[in-house]
Amino acid sequence: MRLATLITTSGSRLHVRADDGGYVDIGEATGEDRFARFGSFVAAGPSAMETARGLRDREGREFAPWEFGPAVPAPDRILCLGLNYAEHALEGGRCAASPAPFSRSTTAASVRPARTCSWS
């Protein structure tokens, strides 16, 4: 089963891919507005997944590539891999046998001041 967040005239909404290749708006098809958003759909648990599976035989609507939204809108955290490029690791004086996983909260921001060069 494939789920997708699609940008519609009603905003970003969760859809399930139908057997015909189109997409069915889960919230609209079930009358459950909480199923229109990824977070509340997942929080609803296995019964929500079963509900979505039951919609795959409906006629789906085609969407253009630019109408697809983020896979996980508004995540609670961001999972990252550090030192995943050997050259980058060596630049920092480190050589890791494997990438180092770490997470960041969505409110964290790491901004470094830009380096400036003067050619006077």
PDB file of N, CA and C in Angstrom:
ATOM      1  N   MET A   1       0.848  -1.170   0.000  1.00  0.00           N
ATOM      2  CA  MET A   1       0.000   0.000   0.000  1.00  0.00           C
ATOM      3  C   MET A   1       0.893   1.234   0.000  1.00  0.00           C
ATOM      4  N   ARG A   2       0.548   2.207  -0.817  1.00  0.00           N
ATOM      5  CA  ARG A   2       1.309   3.450  -0.895  1.00  0.00           C
ATOM      6  C   ARG A   2       0.442   4.618  -0.447  1.00  0.00           C
ATOM      7  N   LEU A   3       1.021   5.429   0.437  1.00  0.00           N
ATOM      8  CA  LEU A   3       0.368   6.647   0.897  1.00  0.00           C
ATOM      9  C   LEU A   3       1.126   7.837   0.328  1.00  0.00           C
ATOM     10  N   ALA A   4       0.424   8.945   0.108  1.00  0.00           N
ATOM     11  CA  ALA A   4       1.068  10.153  -0.392  1.00  0.00           C
ATOM     12  C   ALA A   4       0.335  11.371   0.143  1.00  0.00           C
ATOM     13  N   THR A   5       1.095  12.392   0.494  1.00  0.00           N
ATOM     14  CA  THR A   5       0.508  13.682   0.835  1.00  0.00           C
ATOM     15  C   THR A   5       0.450  14.469  -0.464  1.00  0.00           C
ATOM     16  N   LEU A   6      -0.753  14.893  -0.829  1.00  0.00           N
ATOM     17  CA  LEU A   6      -0.934  15.610  -2.084  1.00  0.00           C
ATOM     18  C   LEU A   6      -1.507  16.992  -1.819  1.00  0.00           C
ATOM     19  N   ILE A   7      -1.053  17.945  -2.607  1.00  0.00           N
ATOM     20  CA  ILE A   7      -1.503  19.325  -2.469  1.00  0.00           C
ATOM     21  C   ILE A   7      -2.789  19.479  -3.292  1.00  0.00           C
ATOM     22  N   THR A   8      -3.876  19.787  -2.609  1.00  0.00           N
ATOM     23  CA  THR A   8      -5.178  19.929  -3.257  1.00  0.00           C
ATOM     24  C   THR A   8      -5.713  21.336  -3.023  1.00  0.00           C
ATOM     25  N   THR A   9      -6.877  21.637  -3.586  1.00  0.00           N
ATOM     26  CA  THR A   9      -7.503  22.939  -3.343  1.00  0.00           C
ATOM     27  C   THR A   9      -7.930  23.068  -1.882  1.00  0.00           C
ATOM     28  N   SER A  10      -8.007  21.943  -1.163  1.00  0.00           N
ATOM     29  CA  SER A  10      -8.341  21.948   0.265  1.00  0.00           C
ATOM     30  C   SER A  10      -7.083  21.911   1.138  1.00  0.00           C
ATOM     31  N   GLY A  11      -5.915  22.076   0.544  1.00  0.00           N
ATOM     32  CA  GLY A  11      -4.655  22.027   1.284  1.00  0.00           C
ATOM     33  C   GLY A  11      -3.984  20.675   1.128  1.00  0.00           C
ATOM     34  N   SER A  12      -2.961  20.420   1.938  1.00  0.00           N
ATOM     35  CA  SER A  12      -2.238  19.140   1.904  1.00  0.00           C
ATOM     36  C   SER A  12      -3.118  18.068   2.533  1.00  0.00           C
ATOM     37  N   ARG A  13      -3.297  16.959   1.804  1.00  0.00           N
ATOM     38  CA  ARG A  13      -4.170  15.893   2.301  1.00  0.00           C
ATOM     39  C   ARG A  13      -3.548  14.531   1.993  1.00  0.00           C
ATOM     40  N   LEU A  14      -3.805  13.582   2.888  1.00  0.00           N
ATOM     41  CA  LEU A  14      -3.267  12.232   2.741  1.00  0.00           C
ATOM     42  C   LEU A  14      -4.136  11.417   1.793  1.00  0.00           C
ATOM     43  N   HIS A  15      -3.476  10.712   0.885  1.00  0.00           N
ATOM     44  CA  HIS A  15      -4.151   9.871  -0.105  1.00  0.00           C
ATOM     45  C   HIS A  15      -3.545   8.472  -0.085  1.00  0.00           C
ATOM     46  N   VAL A  16      -4.319   7.514  -0.570  1.00  0.00           N
ATOM     47  CA  VAL A  16      -3.821   6.159  -0.776  1.00  0.00           C
ATOM     48  C   VAL A  16      -3.839   5.907  -2.284  1.00  0.00           C
ATOM     49  N   ARG A  17      -2.828   5.200  -2.761  1.00  0.00           N
ATOM     50  CA  ARG A  17      -2.783   4.889  -4.189  1.00  0.00           C
ATOM     51  C   ARG A  17      -3.790   3.799  -4.492  1.00  0.00           C
ATOM     52  N   ALA A  18      -4.629   4.074  -5.464  1.00  0.00           N
ATOM     53  CA  ALA A  18      -5.675   3.134  -5.863  1.00  0.00           C
ATOM     54  C   ALA A  18      -5.120   2.107  -6.847  1.00  0.00           C
ATOM     55  N   ASP A  19      -5.850   1.033  -7.016  1.00  0.00           N
ATOM     56  CA  ASP A  19      -5.439  -0.028  -7.941  1.00  0.00           C
ATOM     57  C   ASP A  19      -5.333   0.479  -9.375  1.00  0.00           C
ATOM     58  N   ASP A  20      -6.091   1.552  -9.716  1.00  0.00           N
ATOM     59  CA  ASP A  20      -6.043   2.078 -11.082  1.00  0.00           C
ATOM     60  C   ASP A  20      -4.859   3.028 -11.299  1.00  0.00           C
ATOM     61  N   GLY A  21      -4.038   3.236 -10.259  1.00  0.00           N
ATOM     62  CA  GLY A  21      -2.868   4.093 -10.377  1.00  0.00           C
ATOM     63  C   GLY A  21      -3.096   5.526  -9.920  1.00  0.00           C
ATOM     64  N   GLY A  22      -4.356   5.915  -9.724  1.00  0.00           N
ATOM     65  CA  GLY A  22      -4.665   7.252  -9.216  1.00  0.00           C
ATOM     66  C   GLY A  22      -4.601   7.254  -7.695  1.00  0.00           C
ATOM     67  N   TYR A  23      -5.036   8.355  -7.087  1.00  0.00           N
ATOM     68  CA  TYR A  23      -4.985   8.501  -5.632  1.00  0.00           C
ATOM     69  C   TYR A  23      -6.347   8.876  -5.071  1.00  0.00           C
ATOM     70  N   VAL A  24      -6.687   8.266  -3.930  1.00  0.00           N
ATOM     71  CA  VAL A  24      -7.967   8.491  -3.255  1.00  0.00           C
ATOM     72  C   VAL A  24      -7.696   9.260  -1.968  1.00  0.00           C
ATOM     73  N   ASP A  25      -8.405  10.374  -1.760  1.00  0.00           N
ATOM     74  CA  ASP A  25      -8.302  11.177  -0.548  1.00  0.00           C
ATOM     75  C   ASP A  25      -8.938  10.385   0.593  1.00  0.00           C
ATOM     76  N   ILE A  26      -8.132   9.968   1.561  1.00  0.00           N
ATOM     77  CA  ILE A  26      -8.614   9.083   2.623  1.00  0.00           C
ATOM     78  C   ILE A  26      -9.644   9.786   3.499  1.00  0.00           C
ATOM     79  N   GLY A  27      -9.379  11.031   3.876  1.00  0.00           N
ATOM     80  CA  GLY A  27     -10.316  11.770   4.720  1.00  0.00           C
ATOM     81  C   GLY A  27     -11.659  11.994   4.039  1.00  0.00           C
ATOM     82  N   GLU A  28     -11.599  12.361   2.777  1.00  0.00           N
ATOM     83  CA  GLU A  28     -12.827  12.624   2.014  1.00  0.00           C
ATOM     84  C   GLU A  28     -13.622  11.334   1.798  1.00  0.00           C
ATOM     85  N   ALA A  29     -12.939  10.263   1.444  1.00  0.00           N
ATOM     86  CA  ALA A  29     -13.616   8.999   1.142  1.00  0.00           C
ATOM     87  C   ALA A  29     -14.260   8.366   2.374  1.00  0.00           C
ATOM     88  N   THR A  30     -13.672   8.602   3.546  1.00  0.00           N
ATOM     89  CA  THR A  30     -14.196   7.987   4.771  1.00  0.00           C
ATOM     90  C   THR A  30     -15.085   8.923   5.582  1.00  0.00           C
ATOM     91  N   GLY A  31     -15.018  10.215   5.288  1.00  0.00           N
ATOM     92  CA  GLY A  31     -15.740  11.188   6.098  1.00  0.00           C
ATOM     93  C   GLY A  31     -15.038  11.470   7.420  1.00  0.00           C
ATOM     94  N   GLU A  32     -13.833  10.938   7.581  1.00  0.00           N
ATOM     95  CA  GLU A  32     -13.022  11.137   8.796  1.00  0.00           C
ATOM     96  C   GLU A  32     -11.942  12.168   8.488  1.00  0.00           C
ATOM     97  N   ASP A  33     -12.175  13.420   8.866  1.00  0.00           N
ATOM     98  CA  ASP A  33     -11.213  14.470   8.544  1.00  0.00           C
ATOM     99  C   ASP A  33      -9.843  14.220   9.181  1.00  0.00           C
ATOM    100  N   ARG A  34      -9.803  13.504  10.306  1.00  0.00           N
ATOM    101  CA  ARG A  34      -8.505  13.212  10.946  1.00  0.00           C
ATOM    102  C   ARG A  34      -7.635  12.333  10.050  1.00  0.00           C
ATOM    103  N   PHE A  35      -8.231  11.602   9.122  1.00  0.00           N
ATOM    104  CA  PHE A  35      -7.463  10.767   8.203  1.00  0.00           C
ATOM    105  C   PHE A  35      -6.900  11.576   7.032  1.00  0.00           C
ATOM    106  N   ALA A  36      -7.183  12.856   6.977  1.00  0.00           N
ATOM    107  CA  ALA A  36      -6.666  13.704   5.899  1.00  0.00           C
ATOM    108  C   ALA A  36      -5.234  14.139   6.166  1.00  0.00           C
ATOM    109  N   ARG A  37      -4.759  13.978   7.402  1.00  0.00           N
ATOM    110  CA  ARG A  37      -3.417  14.400   7.780  1.00  0.00           C
ATOM    111  C   ARG A  37      -2.592  13.209   8.240  1.00  0.00           C
ATOM    112  N   PHE A  38      -1.359  13.164   7.795  1.00  0.00           N
ATOM    113  CA  PHE A  38      -0.482  12.028   8.070  1.00  0.00           C
ATOM    114  C   PHE A  38      -0.352  11.737   9.560  1.00  0.00           C
ATOM    115  N   GLY A  39      -0.066  12.745  10.368  1.00  0.00           N
ATOM    116  CA  GLY A  39       0.167  12.545  11.797  1.00  0.00           C
ATOM    117  C   GLY A  39      -1.016  11.921  12.512  1.00  0.00           C
ATOM    118  N   SER A  40      -2.212  12.449  12.289  1.00  0.00           N
ATOM    119  CA  SER A  40      -3.382  11.906  12.975  1.00  0.00           C
ATOM    120  C   SER A  40      -3.802  10.558  12.386  1.00  0.00           C
ATOM    121  N   PHE A  41      -3.484  10.333  11.117  1.00  0.00           N
ATOM    122  CA  PHE A  41      -3.761   9.031  10.501  1.00  0.00           C
ATOM    123  C   PHE A  41      -2.906   7.954  11.156  1.00  0.00           C
ATOM    124  N   VAL A  42      -1.611   8.204  11.291  1.00  0.00           N
ATOM    125  CA  VAL A  42      -0.697   7.241  11.903  1.00  0.00           C
ATOM    126  C   VAL A  42      -1.065   7.023  13.371  1.00  0.00           C
ATOM    127  N   ALA A  43      -1.439   8.101  14.058  1.00  0.00           N
ATOM    128  CA  ALA A  43      -1.812   7.992  15.468  1.00  0.00           C
ATOM    129  C   ALA A  43      -3.056   7.129  15.661  1.00  0.00           C
ATOM    130  N   ALA A  44      -3.889   7.034  14.636  1.00  0.00           N
ATOM    131  CA  ALA A  44      -5.113   6.224  14.730  1.00  0.00           C
ATOM    132  C   ALA A  44      -4.810   4.734  14.729  1.00  0.00           C
ATOM    133  N   GLY A  45      -3.604   4.349  14.336  1.00  0.00           N
ATOM    134  CA  GLY A  45      -3.178   2.960  14.440  1.00  0.00           C
ATOM    135  C   GLY A  45      -3.604   2.041  13.316  1.00  0.00           C
ATOM    136  N   PRO A  46      -3.534   0.733  13.580  1.00  0.00           N
ATOM    137  CA  PRO A  46      -3.806  -0.280  12.553  1.00  0.00           C
ATOM    138  C   PRO A  46      -5.184  -0.166  11.904  1.00  0.00           C
ATOM    139  N   SER A  47      -6.165   0.277  12.637  1.00  0.00           N
ATOM    140  CA  SER A  47      -7.507   0.379  12.043  1.00  0.00           C
ATOM    141  C   SER A  47      -7.525   1.407  10.909  1.00  0.00           C
ATOM    142  N   ALA A  48      -6.738   2.473  11.043  1.00  0.00           N
ATOM    143  CA  ALA A  48      -6.656   3.468   9.975  1.00  0.00           C
ATOM    144  C   ALA A  48      -6.016   2.852   8.737  1.00  0.00           C
ATOM    145  N   MET A  49      -4.984   2.042   8.939  1.00  0.00           N
ATOM    146  CA  MET A  49      -4.329   1.377   7.809  1.00  0.00           C
ATOM    147  C   MET A  49      -5.297   0.446   7.088  1.00  0.00           C
ATOM    148  N   GLU A  50      -6.084  -0.290   7.857  1.00  0.00           N
ATOM    149  CA  GLU A  50      -7.079  -1.191   7.250  1.00  0.00           C
ATOM    150  C   GLU A  50      -8.113  -0.397   6.467  1.00  0.00           C
ATOM    151  N   THR A  51      -8.503   0.739   7.010  1.00  0.00           N
ATOM    152  CA  THR A  51      -9.467   1.602   6.316  1.00  0.00           C
ATOM    153  C   THR A  51      -8.892   2.055   4.979  1.00  0.00           C
ATOM    154  N   ALA A  52      -7.628   2.480   4.980  1.00  0.00           N
ATOM    155  CA  ALA A  52      -6.982   2.926   3.742  1.00  0.00           C
ATOM    156  C   ALA A  52      -6.869   1.784   2.736  1.00  0.00           C
ATOM    157  N   ARG A  53      -6.526   0.603   3.216  1.00  0.00           N
ATOM    158  CA  ARG A  53      -6.434  -0.563   2.314  1.00  0.00           C
ATOM    159  C   ARG A  53      -7.773  -0.812   1.617  1.00  0.00           C
ATOM    160  N   GLY A  54      -8.845  -0.607   2.336  1.00  0.00           N
ATOM    161  CA  GLY A  54     -10.180  -0.827   1.771  1.00  0.00           C
ATOM    162  C   GLY A  54     -10.575   0.173   0.709  1.00  0.00           C
ATOM    163  N   LEU A  55      -9.820   1.250   0.562  1.00  0.00           N
ATOM    164  CA  LEU A  55     -10.147   2.289  -0.428  1.00  0.00           C
ATOM    165  C   LEU A  55      -9.428   2.102  -1.759  1.00  0.00           C
ATOM    166  N   ARG A  56      -8.510   1.154  -1.808  1.00  0.00           N
ATOM    167  CA  ARG A  56      -7.692   0.998  -3.016  1.00  0.00           C
ATOM    168  C   ARG A  56      -8.487   0.584  -4.249  1.00  0.00           C
ATOM    169  N   ASP A  57      -9.662  -0.013  -4.060  1.00  0.00           N
ATOM    170  CA  ASP A  57     -10.451  -0.433  -5.225  1.00  0.00           C
ATOM    171  C   ASP A  57     -11.315   0.699  -5.778  1.00  0.00           C
ATOM    172  N   ARG A  58     -11.289   1.857  -5.141  1.00  0.00           N
ATOM    173  CA  ARG A  58     -12.049   3.010  -5.636  1.00  0.00           C
ATOM    174  C   ARG A  58     -11.309   3.669  -6.798  1.00  0.00           C
ATOM    175  N   GLU A  59     -12.043   4.497  -7.533  1.00  0.00           N
ATOM    176  CA  GLU A  59     -11.429   5.224  -8.647  1.00  0.00           C
ATOM    177  C   GLU A  59     -10.575   6.359  -8.090  1.00  0.00           C
ATOM    178  N   GLY A  60      -9.309   6.361  -8.468  1.00  0.00           N
ATOM    179  CA  GLY A  60      -8.391   7.382  -7.990  1.00  0.00           C
ATOM    180  C   GLY A  60      -8.244   8.525  -8.972  1.00  0.00           C
ATOM    181  N   ARG A  61      -7.749   9.618  -8.479  1.00  0.00           N
ATOM    182  CA  ARG A  61      -7.510  10.804  -9.303  1.00  0.00           C
ATOM    183  C   ARG A  61      -6.018  10.891  -9.611  1.00  0.00           C
ATOM    184  N   GLU A  62      -5.682  11.285 -10.822  1.00  0.00           N
ATOM    185  CA  GLU A  62      -4.285  11.471 -11.212  1.00  0.00           C
ATOM    186  C   GLU A  62      -3.786  12.818 -10.697  1.00  0.00           C
ATOM    187  N   PHE A  63      -2.521  12.866 -10.299  1.00  0.00           N
ATOM    188  CA  PHE A  63      -1.888  14.095  -9.846  1.00  0.00           C
ATOM    189  C   PHE A  63      -0.592  14.294 -10.605  1.00  0.00           C
ATOM    190  N   ALA A  64      -0.258  15.557 -10.845  1.00  0.00           N
ATOM    191  CA  ALA A  64       1.013  15.895 -11.500  1.00  0.00           C
ATOM    192  C   ALA A  64       2.140  15.782 -10.470  1.00  0.00           C
ATOM    193  N   PRO A  65       3.370  15.562 -10.917  1.00  0.00           N
ATOM    194  CA  PRO A  65       4.499  15.417  -9.981  1.00  0.00           C
ATOM    195  C   PRO A  65       4.637  16.580  -8.996  1.00  0.00           C
ATOM    196  N   TRP A  66       4.358  17.802  -9.423  1.00  0.00           N
ATOM    197  CA  TRP A  66       4.515  18.961  -8.542  1.00  0.00           C
ATOM    198  C   TRP A  66       3.392  19.083  -7.506  1.00  0.00           C
ATOM    199  N   GLU A  67       2.386  18.210  -7.583  1.00  0.00           N
ATOM    200  CA  GLU A  67       1.304  18.241  -6.602  1.00  0.00           C
ATOM    201  C   GLU A  67       1.564  17.322  -5.401  1.00  0.00           C
ATOM    202  N   PHE A  68       2.686  16.605  -5.435  1.00  0.00           N
ATOM    203  CA  PHE A  68       3.044  15.740  -4.320  1.00  0.00           C
ATOM    204  C   PHE A  68       3.726  16.574  -3.240  1.00  0.00           C
ATOM    205  N   GLY A  69       3.283  16.393  -2.006  1.00  0.00           N
ATOM    206  CA  GLY A  69       3.864  17.118  -0.880  1.00  0.00           C
ATOM    207  C   GLY A  69       4.941  16.282  -0.215  1.00  0.00           C
ATOM    208  N   PRO A  70       5.431  16.740   0.932  1.00  0.00           N
ATOM    209  CA  PRO A  70       6.467  15.987   1.649  1.00  0.00           C
ATOM    210  C   PRO A  70       5.932  14.641   2.128  1.00  0.00           C
ATOM    211  N   ALA A  71       6.807  13.650   2.147  1.00  0.00           N
ATOM    212  CA  ALA A  71       6.398  12.307   2.586  1.00  0.00           C
ATOM    213  C   ALA A  71       5.900  12.331   4.024  1.00  0.00           C
ATOM    214  N   VAL A  72       6.567  13.076   4.873  1.00  0.00           N
ATOM    215  CA  VAL A  72       6.163  13.200   6.283  1.00  0.00           C
ATOM    216  C   VAL A  72       6.071  14.686   6.610  1.00  0.00           C
ATOM    217  N   PRO A  73       4.905  15.278   6.436  1.00  0.00           N
ATOM    218  CA  PRO A  73       4.773  16.703   6.766  1.00  0.00           C
ATOM    219  C   PRO A  73       4.916  16.917   8.274  1.00  0.00           C
ATOM    220  N   ALA A  74       5.592  17.975   8.659  1.00  0.00           N
ATOM    221  CA  ALA A  74       5.753  18.369  10.070  1.00  0.00           C
ATOM    222  C   ALA A  74       6.244  17.227  10.952  1.00  0.00           C
ATOM    223  N   PRO A  75       7.435  16.675  10.666  1.00  0.00           N
ATOM    224  CA  PRO A  75       7.950  15.586  11.510  1.00  0.00           C
ATOM    225  C   PRO A  75       8.296  16.070  12.913  1.00  0.00           C
ATOM    226  N   ASP A  76       8.267  15.172  13.891  1.00  0.00           N
ATOM    227  CA  ASP A  76       8.639  15.508  15.263  1.00  0.00           C
ATOM    228  C   ASP A  76      10.142  15.676  15.406  1.00  0.00           C
ATOM    229  N   ARG A  77      10.897  14.961  14.594  1.00  0.00           N
ATOM    230  CA  ARG A  77      12.357  15.049  14.628  1.00  0.00           C
ATOM    231  C   ARG A  77      12.885  14.712  13.235  1.00  0.00           C
ATOM    232  N   ILE A  78      14.119  15.056  13.034  1.00  0.00           N
ATOM    233  CA  ILE A  78      14.769  14.795  11.760  1.00  0.00           C
ATOM    234  C   ILE A  78      15.918  13.833  12.023  1.00  0.00           C
ATOM    235  N   LEU A  79      15.928  12.712  11.335  1.00  0.00           N
ATOM    236  CA  LEU A  79      16.997  11.722  11.489  1.00  0.00           C
ATOM    237  C   LEU A  79      18.062  12.009  10.444  1.00  0.00           C
ATOM    238  N   CYS A  80      19.320  12.001  10.870  1.00  0.00           N
ATOM    239  CA  CYS A  80      20.425  12.398  10.008  1.00  0.00           C
ATOM    240  C   CYS A  80      21.529  11.342  10.021  1.00  0.00           C
ATOM    241  N   LEU A  81      22.378  11.418   9.008  1.00  0.00           N
ATOM    242  CA  LEU A  81      23.594  10.609   8.958  1.00  0.00           C
ATOM    243  C   LEU A  81      24.771  11.554   8.835  1.00  0.00           C
ATOM    244  N   GLY A  82      25.715  11.424   9.753  1.00  0.00           N
ATOM    245  CA  GLY A  82      26.918  12.240   9.693  1.00  0.00           C
ATOM    246  C   GLY A  82      28.082  11.398   9.213  1.00  0.00           C
ATOM    247  N   LEU A  83      29.060  12.054   8.660  1.00  0.00           N
ATOM    248  CA  LEU A  83      30.257  11.380   8.143  1.00  0.00           C
ATOM    249  C   LEU A  83      29.918  10.342   7.082  1.00  0.00           C
ATOM    250  N   ASN A  84      28.901  10.644   6.287  1.00  0.00           N
ATOM    251  CA  ASN A  84      28.494   9.688   5.271  1.00  0.00           C
ATOM    252  C   ASN A  84      29.301   9.820   3.972  1.00  0.00           C
ATOM    253  N   TYR A  85      30.134  10.832   3.876  1.00  0.00           N
ATOM    254  CA  TYR A  85      31.030  10.962   2.738  1.00  0.00           C
ATOM    255  C   TYR A  85      32.457  10.911   3.262  1.00  0.00           C
ATOM    256  N   ALA A  86      33.248   9.999   2.769  1.00  0.00           N
ATOM    257  CA  ALA A  86      34.616   9.820   3.263  1.00  0.00           C
ATOM    258  C   ALA A  86      35.431  11.112   3.161  1.00  0.00           C
ATOM    259  N   GLU A  87      35.302  11.814   2.036  1.00  0.00           N
ATOM    260  CA  GLU A  87      36.064  13.052   1.861  1.00  0.00           C
ATOM    261  C   GLU A  87      35.681  14.085   2.914  1.00  0.00           C
ATOM    262  N   HIS A  88      34.397  14.179   3.205  1.00  0.00           N
ATOM    263  CA  HIS A  88      33.912  15.134   4.205  1.00  0.00           C
ATOM    264  C   HIS A  88      34.452  14.765   5.594  1.00  0.00           C
ATOM    265  N   ALA A  89      34.444  13.489   5.919  1.00  0.00           N
ATOM    266  CA  ALA A  89      34.949  13.039   7.220  1.00  0.00           C
ATOM    267  C   ALA A  89      36.436  13.369   7.351  1.00  0.00           C
ATOM    268  N   LEU A  90      37.205  13.152   6.284  1.00  0.00           N
ATOM    269  CA  LEU A  90      38.631  13.431   6.322  1.00  0.00           C
ATOM    270  C   LEU A  90      38.918  14.923   6.457  1.00  0.00           C
ATOM    271  N   GLU A  91      38.046  15.763   5.855  1.00  0.00           N
ATOM    272  CA  GLU A  91      38.208  17.210   5.994  1.00  0.00           C
ATOM    273  C   GLU A  91      38.147  17.616   7.464  1.00  0.00           C
ATOM    274  N   GLY A  92      37.300  16.944   8.221  1.00  0.00           N
ATOM    275  CA  GLY A  92      37.149  17.240   9.637  1.00  0.00           C
ATOM    276  C   GLY A  92      38.144  16.493  10.502  1.00  0.00           C
ATOM    277  N   GLY A  93      39.082  15.785   9.883  1.00  0.00           N
ATOM    278  CA  GLY A  93      40.090  15.061  10.633  1.00  0.00           C
ATOM    279  C   GLY A  93      39.579  13.766  11.239  1.00  0.00           C
ATOM    280  N   ARG A  94      38.492  13.252  10.697  1.00  0.00           N
ATOM    281  CA  ARG A  94      37.925  12.010  11.227  1.00  0.00           C
ATOM    282  C   ARG A  94      37.778  10.998  10.098  1.00  0.00           C
ATOM    283  N   CYS A  95      37.876   9.772  10.430  1.00  0.00           N
ATOM    284  CA  CYS A  95      37.636   8.706   9.466  1.00  0.00           C
ATOM    285  C   CYS A  95      36.785   7.672  10.175  1.00  0.00           C
ATOM    286  N   ALA A  96      35.570   7.527   9.741  1.00  0.00           N
ATOM    287  CA  ALA A  96      34.636   6.617  10.410  1.00  0.00           C
ATOM    288  C   ALA A  96      34.454   5.362   9.574  1.00  0.00           C
ATOM    289  N   ALA A  97      34.286   4.243  10.239  1.00  0.00           N
ATOM    290  CA  ALA A  97      34.043   2.980   9.545  1.00  0.00           C
ATOM    291  C   ALA A  97      32.649   2.954   8.936  1.00  0.00           C
ATOM    292  N   SER A  98      31.735   3.705   9.537  1.00  0.00           N
ATOM    293  CA  SER A  98      30.365   3.776   9.017  1.00  0.00           C
ATOM    294  C   SER A  98      29.776   5.129   9.394  1.00  0.00           C
ATOM    295  N   PRO A  99      28.711   5.552   8.702  1.00  0.00           N
ATOM    296  CA  PRO A  99      28.083   6.830   9.025  1.00  0.00           C
ATOM    297  C   PRO A  99      27.568   6.851  10.472  1.00  0.00           C
ATOM    298  N   ALA A 100      27.567   8.027  11.058  1.00  0.00           N
ATOM    299  CA  ALA A 100      27.114   8.194  12.437  1.00  0.00           C
ATOM    300  C   ALA A 100      25.692   8.761  12.444  1.00  0.00           C
ATOM    301  N   PRO A 101      24.702   7.978  12.884  1.00  0.00           N
ATOM    302  CA  PRO A 101      23.333   8.499  12.926  1.00  0.00           C
ATOM    303  C   PRO A 101      23.142   9.454  14.105  1.00  0.00           C
ATOM    304  N   PHE A 102      22.336  10.472  13.892  1.00  0.00           N
ATOM    305  CA  PHE A 102      21.966  11.392  14.969  1.00  0.00           C
ATOM    306  C   PHE A 102      20.632  12.022  14.604  1.00  0.00           C
ATOM    307  N   SER A 103      19.995  12.679  15.560  1.00  0.00           N
ATOM    308  CA  SER A 103      18.714  13.315  15.286  1.00  0.00           C
ATOM    309  C   SER A 103      18.749  14.773  15.687  1.00  0.00           C
ATOM    310  N   ARG A 104      17.854  15.539  15.124  1.00  0.00           N
ATOM    311  CA  ARG A 104      17.682  16.949  15.439  1.00  0.00           C
ATOM    312  C   ARG A 104      16.192  17.207  15.620  1.00  0.00           C
ATOM    313  N   SER A 105      15.881  18.102  16.524  1.00  0.00           N
ATOM    314  CA  SER A 105      14.471  18.482  16.650  1.00  0.00           C
ATOM    315  C   SER A 105      14.148  19.434  15.508  1.00  0.00           C
ATOM    316  N   THR A 106      12.900  19.575  15.211  1.00  0.00           N
ATOM    317  CA  THR A 106      12.506  20.447  14.103  1.00  0.00           C
ATOM    318  C   THR A 106      12.672  21.916  14.470  1.00  0.00           C
ATOM    319  N   THR A 107      12.897  22.209  15.755  1.00  0.00           N
ATOM    320  CA  THR A 107      13.093  23.601  16.159  1.00  0.00           C
ATOM    321  C   THR A 107      14.568  23.970  16.217  1.00  0.00           C
ATOM    322  N   ALA A 108      15.443  22.997  16.029  1.00  0.00           N
ATOM    323  CA  ALA A 108      16.885  23.273  16.061  1.00  0.00           C
ATOM    324  C   ALA A 108      17.313  23.929  14.758  1.00  0.00           C
ATOM    325  N   ALA A 109      18.185  24.880  14.880  1.00  0.00           N
ATOM    326  CA  ALA A 109      18.732  25.517  13.687  1.00  0.00           C
ATOM    327  C   ALA A 109      20.225  25.675  13.895  1.00  0.00           C
ATOM    328  N   SER A 110      20.972  25.289  12.915  1.00  0.00           N
ATOM    329  CA  SER A 110      22.418  25.416  12.989  1.00  0.00           C
ATOM    330  C   SER A 110      22.857  26.285  11.825  1.00  0.00           C
ATOM    331  N   VAL A 111      23.106  27.530  12.119  1.00  0.00           N
ATOM    332  CA  VAL A 111      23.489  28.459  11.068  1.00  0.00           C
ATOM    333  C   VAL A 111      24.846  29.041  11.422  1.00  0.00           C
ATOM    334  N   ARG A 112      25.774  28.872  10.518  1.00  0.00           N
ATOM    335  CA  ARG A 112      27.105  29.438  10.715  1.00  0.00           C
ATOM    336  C   ARG A 112      27.201  30.725   9.907  1.00  0.00           C
ATOM    337  N   PRO A 113      27.900  31.713  10.443  1.00  0.00           N
ATOM    338  CA  PRO A 113      28.104  32.928   9.630  1.00  0.00           C
ATOM    339  C   PRO A 113      28.911  32.585   8.381  1.00  0.00           C
ATOM    340  N   ALA A 114      28.576  33.192   7.301  1.00  0.00           N
ATOM    341  CA  ALA A 114      29.282  32.934   6.047  1.00  0.00           C
ATOM    342  C   ALA A 114      30.702  33.468   6.131  1.00  0.00           C
ATOM    343  N   ARG A 115      31.642  32.752   5.549  1.00  0.00           N
ATOM    344  CA  ARG A 115      33.018  33.232   5.479  1.00  0.00           C
ATOM    345  C   ARG A 115      33.082  34.301   4.393  1.00  0.00           C
ATOM    346  N   THR A 116      33.816  35.313   4.654  1.00  0.00           N
ATOM    347  CA  THR A 116      33.973  36.357   3.645  1.00  0.00           C
ATOM    348  C   THR A 116      35.430  36.416   3.223  1.00  0.00           C
ATOM    349  N   CYS A 117      35.649  36.798   2.000  1.00  0.00           N
ATOM    350  CA  CYS A 117      36.988  36.943   1.468  1.00  0.00           C
ATOM    351  C   CYS A 117      37.156  38.375   0.963  1.00  0.00           C
ATOM    352  N   SER A 118      38.311  38.892   1.134  1.00  0.00           N
ATOM    353  CA  SER A 118      38.593  40.235   0.649  1.00  0.00           C
ATOM    354  C   SER A 118      39.766  40.164  -0.307  1.00  0.00           C
ATOM    355  N   TRP A 119      39.592  40.688  -1.513  1.00  0.00           N
ATOM    356  CA  TRP A 119      40.664  40.694  -2.508  1.00  0.00           C
ATOM    357  C   TRP A 119      41.107  42.128  -2.774  1.00  0.00           C
ATOM    358  N   SER A 120      41.471  42.843  -1.746  1.00  0.00           N
ATOM    359  CA  SER A 120      41.898  44.224  -1.974  1.00  0.00           C
ATOM    360  C   SER A 120      43.375  44.351  -2.166  1.00  0.00           C
TER     361      SER A 120
END
